[in-house]
C-alpha atoms as a PDB file:
ATOM      1  CA  MET A   1     -16.022  74.301  -8.012  1.00  0.00           C
ATOM      2  CA  ALA A   2     -15.860  70.990  -7.312  1.00  0.00           C
ATOM      3  CA  THR A   3     -15.303  68.090  -9.416  1.00  0.00           C
ATOM      4  CA  ALA A   4     -17.475  65.357  -8.887  1.00  0.00           C
ATOM      5  CA  ASN A   5     -16.115  61.572  -9.972  1.00  0.00           C
ATOM      6  CA  ILE A   6     -17.831  60.271 -12.243  1.00  0.00           C
ATOM      7  CA  ASP A   7     -17.958  57.066 -13.368  1.00  0.00           C
ATOM      8  CA  GLU A   8     -17.275  56.515 -16.931  1.00  0.00           C
ATOM      9  CA  THR A   9     -16.971  52.289 -17.383  1.00  0.00           C
ATOM     10  CA  PRO A  10     -18.561  50.677 -20.394  1.00  0.00           C
ATOM     11  CA  LEU A  11     -21.586  49.172 -19.849  1.00  0.00           C
ATOM     12  CA  SER A  12     -20.532  46.688 -21.614  1.00  0.00           C
ATOM     13  CA  VAL A  13     -17.460  45.956 -19.985  1.00  0.00           C
ATOM     14  CA  SER A  14     -19.914  44.879 -16.551  1.00  0.00           C
ATOM     15  CA  ILE A  15     -22.144  42.783 -19.183  1.00  0.00           C
ATOM     16  CA  GLU A  16     -19.254  40.945 -19.650  1.00  0.00           C
ATOM     17  CA  ARG A  17     -18.656  39.987 -16.453  1.00  0.00           C
ATOM     18  CA  ARG A  18     -22.080  39.430 -15.442  1.00  0.00           C
ATOM     19  CA  ASN A  19     -22.104  36.823 -18.579  1.00  0.00           C
ATOM     20  CA  SER A  20     -18.583  35.267 -17.257  1.00  0.00           C
ATOM     21  CA  LEU A  21     -19.999  34.879 -13.580  1.00  0.00           C
ATOM     22  CA  GLU A  22     -23.019  33.073 -15.407  1.00  0.00           C
ATOM     23  CA  LYS A  23     -21.175  30.996 -16.938  1.00  0.00           C
ATOM     24  CA  HIS A  24     -19.411  29.993 -14.297  1.00  0.00           C
ATOM     25  CA  LEU A  25     -22.044  29.396 -11.768  1.00  0.00           C
ATOM     26  CA  GLN A  26     -23.729  26.917 -14.437  1.00  0.00           C
ATOM     27  CA  ASN A  27     -20.591  25.540 -14.387  1.00  0.00           C
ATOM     28  CA  ARG A  28     -20.092  25.249 -10.639  1.00  0.00           C
ATOM     29  CA  PRO A  29     -20.427  21.180  -8.931  1.00  0.00           C
ATOM     30  CA  ASP A  30     -23.690  19.865  -7.946  1.00  0.00           C
ATOM     31  CA  GLN A  31     -24.050  19.434  -4.153  1.00  0.00           C
ATOM     32  CA  GLN A  32     -23.250  16.448  -4.494  1.00  0.00           C
ATOM     33  CA  ASP A  33     -20.321  16.422  -6.404  1.00  0.00           C
ATOM     34  CA  LEU A  34     -18.950  18.337  -2.989  1.00  0.00           C
ATOM     35  CA  LYS A  35     -20.131  16.192  -0.966  1.00  0.00           C
ATOM     36  CA  GLU A  36     -18.235  13.366  -2.507  1.00  0.00           C
ATOM     37  CA  LYS A  37     -15.509  15.364  -2.235  1.00  0.00           C
ATOM     38  CA  HIS A  38     -15.488  16.394   1.219  1.00  0.00           C
ATOM     39  CA  ILE A  39     -16.333  19.950   0.648  1.00  0.00           C
ATOM     40  CA  LEU A  40     -19.263  19.752   2.204  1.00  0.00           C
ATOM     41  CA  LEU A  41     -20.457  17.858   4.808  1.00  0.00           C
ATOM     42  CA  ASP A  42     -22.699  15.790   4.042  1.00  0.00           C
ATOM     43  CA  THR A  43     -24.843  15.371   7.360  1.00  0.00           C
ATOM     44  CA  ASN A  44     -27.419  16.415   8.695  1.00  0.00           C
ATOM     45  CA  VAL A  45     -26.031  17.599  11.631  1.00  0.00           C
ATOM     46  CA  ALA A  46     -27.010  21.373  12.826  1.00  0.00           C
ATOM     47  CA  PRO A  47     -24.737  23.576  11.542  1.00  0.00           C
ATOM     48  CA  SER A  48     -23.516  24.632  14.800  1.00  0.00           C
ATOM     49  CA  LEU A  49     -22.338  21.195  15.948  1.00  0.00           C
ATOM     50  CA  GLN A  50     -20.815  19.627  12.383  1.00  0.00           C
ATOM     51  CA  ALA A  51     -17.587  20.873  14.106  1.00  0.00           C
ATOM     52  CA  ALA A  52     -18.087  18.963  17.577  1.00  0.00           C
ATOM     53  CA  ARG A  53     -19.529  15.504  15.317  1.00  0.00           C
ATOM     54  CA  GLN A  54     -16.293  16.230  13.174  1.00  0.00           C
ATOM     55  CA  GLU A  55     -13.968  16.037  15.941  1.00  0.00           C
ATOM     56  CA  LEU A  56     -15.238  13.009  17.661  1.00  0.00           C
ATOM     57  CA  ALA A  57     -15.442  10.894  14.233  1.00  0.00           C
ATOM     58  CA  ARG A  58     -11.884  12.110  14.043  1.00  0.00           C
ATOM     59  CA  GLN A  59     -10.704  11.391  17.729  1.00  0.00           C
ATOM     60  CA  ARG A  60     -12.825   8.197  17.803  1.00  0.00           C
ATOM     61  CA  MET A  61     -10.321   7.572  14.174  1.00  0.00           C
ATOM     62  CA  SER A  62      -7.426   8.203  16.323  1.00  0.00           C
ATOM     63  CA  ASP A  63      -8.593   5.807  19.135  1.00  0.00           C
ATOM     64  CA  ASP A  64      -8.702   2.944  16.935  1.00  0.00           C
ATOM     65  CA  LEU A  65      -5.331   3.846  15.007  1.00  0.00           C
ATOM     66  CA  LYS A  66      -3.830   3.054  18.619  1.00  0.00           C
ATOM     67  CA  LYS A  67      -5.935   0.278  19.318  1.00  0.00           C
ATOM     68  CA  HIS A  68      -4.542  -1.783  15.818  1.00  0.00           C
ATOM     69  CA  ILE A  69      -0.545  -0.128  16.579  1.00  0.00           C
ATOM     70  CA  GLU A  70      -0.517  -1.659  19.808  1.00  0.00           C
ATOM     71  CA  ARG A  71      -2.216  -5.133  18.683  1.00  0.00           C
ATOM     72  CA  ARG A  72       0.081  -4.811  15.852  1.00  0.00           C
ATOM     73  CA  PRO A  73       2.634  -8.434  15.844  1.00  0.00           C
ATOM     74  CA  ASP A  74       6.381  -7.324  16.509  1.00  0.00           C
ATOM     75  CA  ARG A  75       9.053  -7.647  13.679  1.00  0.00           C
ATOM     76  CA  GLU A  76      10.079 -11.662  15.451  1.00  0.00           C
ATOM     77  CA  GLU A  77       6.518 -12.770  14.972  1.00  0.00           C
ATOM     78  CA  LEU A  78       6.155 -11.249  11.310  1.00  0.00           C
ATOM     79  CA  VAL A  79      10.365 -13.150  10.364  1.00  0.00           C
ATOM     80  CA  GLU A  80       8.259 -16.311  11.469  1.00  0.00           C
ATOM     81  CA  ARG A  81       5.761 -16.675   9.459  1.00  0.00           C
ATOM     82  CA  ASN A  82       7.552 -15.147   6.758  1.00  0.00           C
ATOM     83  CA  ILE A  83       6.320 -11.869   5.701  1.00  0.00           C
ATOM     84  CA  LEU A  84       9.113  -9.965   6.973  1.00  0.00           C
ATOM     85  CA  PRO A  85      12.887 -10.974   5.294  1.00  0.00           C
ATOM     86  CA  SER A  86      15.081 -12.040   8.316  1.00  0.00           C
ATOM     87  CA  THR A  87      17.840 -10.169   6.844  1.00  0.00           C
ATOM     88  CA  ASN A  88      19.056  -6.899   8.381  1.00  0.00           C
ATOM     89  CA  ALA A  89      20.421  -5.116   5.378  1.00  0.00           C
ATOM     90  CA  ALA A  90      18.989  -2.478   4.623  1.00  0.00           C
ATOM     91  CA  PRO A  91      16.029  -2.288   1.892  1.00  0.00           C
ATOM     92  CA  ALA A  92      18.201  -0.772  -1.166  1.00  0.00           C
ATOM     93  CA  LEU A  93      20.531  -4.246  -0.565  1.00  0.00           C
ATOM     94  CA  GLN A  94      18.243  -6.754   0.068  1.00  0.00           C
ATOM     95  CA  ALA A  95      17.098  -7.796  -2.982  1.00  0.00           C
ATOM     96  CA  HIS A  96      21.045  -8.185  -3.857  1.00  0.00           C
ATOM     97  CA  ALA A  97      20.865 -10.197  -0.420  1.00  0.00           C
ATOM     98  CA  ARG A  98      17.566 -12.557  -1.769  1.00  0.00           C
ATOM     99  CA  GLU A  99      19.562 -13.413  -4.830  1.00  0.00           C
ATOM    100  CA  LEU A 100      22.845 -14.344  -4.120  1.00  0.00           C
ATOM    101  CA  GLU A 101      21.203 -15.723  -0.894  1.00  0.00           C
ATOM    102  CA  LYS A 102      18.994 -18.030  -3.829  1.00  0.00           C
ATOM    103  CA  HIS A 103      22.759 -18.550  -6.075  1.00  0.00           C
ATOM    104  CA  MET A 104      24.297 -20.189  -2.376  1.00  0.00           C
ATOM    105  CA  LEU A 105      21.708 -22.441  -2.172  1.00  0.00           C
ATOM    106  CA  ALA A 106      22.132 -23.129  -5.931  1.00  0.00           C
ATOM    107  CA  ASP A 107      25.946 -24.642  -5.473  1.00  0.00           C
ATOM    108  CA  THR A 108      24.809 -26.416  -2.381  1.00  0.00           C
ATOM    109  CA  LEU A 109      22.169 -28.512  -4.093  1.00  0.00           C
ATOM    110  CA  ASP A 110      24.833 -29.016  -6.695  1.00  0.00           C
ATOM    111  CA  HIS A 111      27.487 -30.037  -4.544  1.00  0.00           C
ATOM    112  CA  LYS A 112      25.500 -31.879  -3.091  1.00  0.00           C
ATOM    113  CA  ILE A 113      24.061 -33.663  -6.163  1.00  0.00           C
ATOM    114  CA  GLN A 114      27.417 -33.973  -7.531  1.00  0.00           C
ATOM    115  CA  ASN A 115      28.841 -36.009  -3.958  1.00  0.00           C
ATOM    116  CA  ARG A 116      25.573 -38.213  -3.136  1.00  0.00           C
ATOM    117  CA  PRO A 117      27.315 -41.785  -3.024  1.00  0.00           C
ATOM    118  CA  GLN A 118      25.614 -44.422  -5.696  1.00  0.00           C
ATOM    119  CA  PRO A 119      23.081 -46.770  -5.481  1.00  0.00           C
ATOM    120  CA  GLU A 120      25.653 -50.070  -4.848  1.00  0.00           C
ATOM    121  CA  GLU A 121      27.116 -47.868  -1.930  1.00  0.00           C
ATOM    122  CA  LEU A 122      23.517 -47.617   0.636  1.00  0.00           C
ATOM    123  CA  ILE A 123      22.393 -51.019  -0.918  1.00  0.00           C
ATOM    124  CA  SER A 124      25.664 -52.570   0.903  1.00  0.00           C
ATOM    125  CA  GLN A 125      25.364 -49.702   3.525  1.00  0.00           C
ATOM    126  CA  GLY A 126      21.655 -51.305   3.978  1.00  0.00           C
ATOM    127  CA  ILE A 127      19.722 -47.815   3.506  1.00  0.00           C
ATOM    128  CA  LEU A 128      17.922 -49.507  -0.006  1.00  0.00           C
ATOM    129  CA  THR A 129      17.441 -52.724  -0.879  1.00  0.00           C
ATOM    130  CA  GLU A 130      17.981 -53.379  -4.329  1.00  0.00           C
ATOM    131  CA  ASP A 131      14.055 -53.624  -4.930  1.00  0.00           C
ATOM    132  CA  GLU A 132      14.418 -50.185  -4.764  1.00  0.00           C
ATOM    133  CA  ASP A 133      17.584 -50.302  -6.671  1.00  0.00           C
ATOM    134  CA  PRO A 134      16.817 -46.580  -8.998  1.00  0.00           C
ATOM    135  CA  ARG A 135      18.907 -48.306 -11.839  1.00  0.00           C
ATOM    136  CA  ASN A 136      16.825 -51.056 -12.266  1.00  0.00           C
ATOM    137  CA  PRO A 137      13.390 -51.103 -15.038  1.00  0.00           C
ATOM    138  CA  SER A 138      11.238 -53.769 -13.245  1.00  0.00           C
ATOM    139  CA  VAL A 139      10.842 -50.308 -10.298  1.00  0.00           C
END
């Protein structure tokens, strides 16, 4: 006498599973959300042509990028236009190099101000006139 395999799984389990599935189906994103997330294609093209259309769009984008890269200005032009720094220092050191350059410029200006000629000297050399004397209050 062969023993028949009888499924004795209670029906309540399958009902719970069905309820769970129904709950997930109710909470699934709608078609427009899936299109916005690029999960579904937003196209009116036949499904058999969608892959070809997508590949053509990808190829066009690749060609556009190559064209823009070819037109991209070189490093020297970007340095001339003050877009890139002229330093060859490592990126981690560039901030310190700019700060050092700024302090060196301030020191140079301070030194030049301290050693600039007096107005009398400039008047005697004919660079300034008596009317242009910065100490003269009438000016």
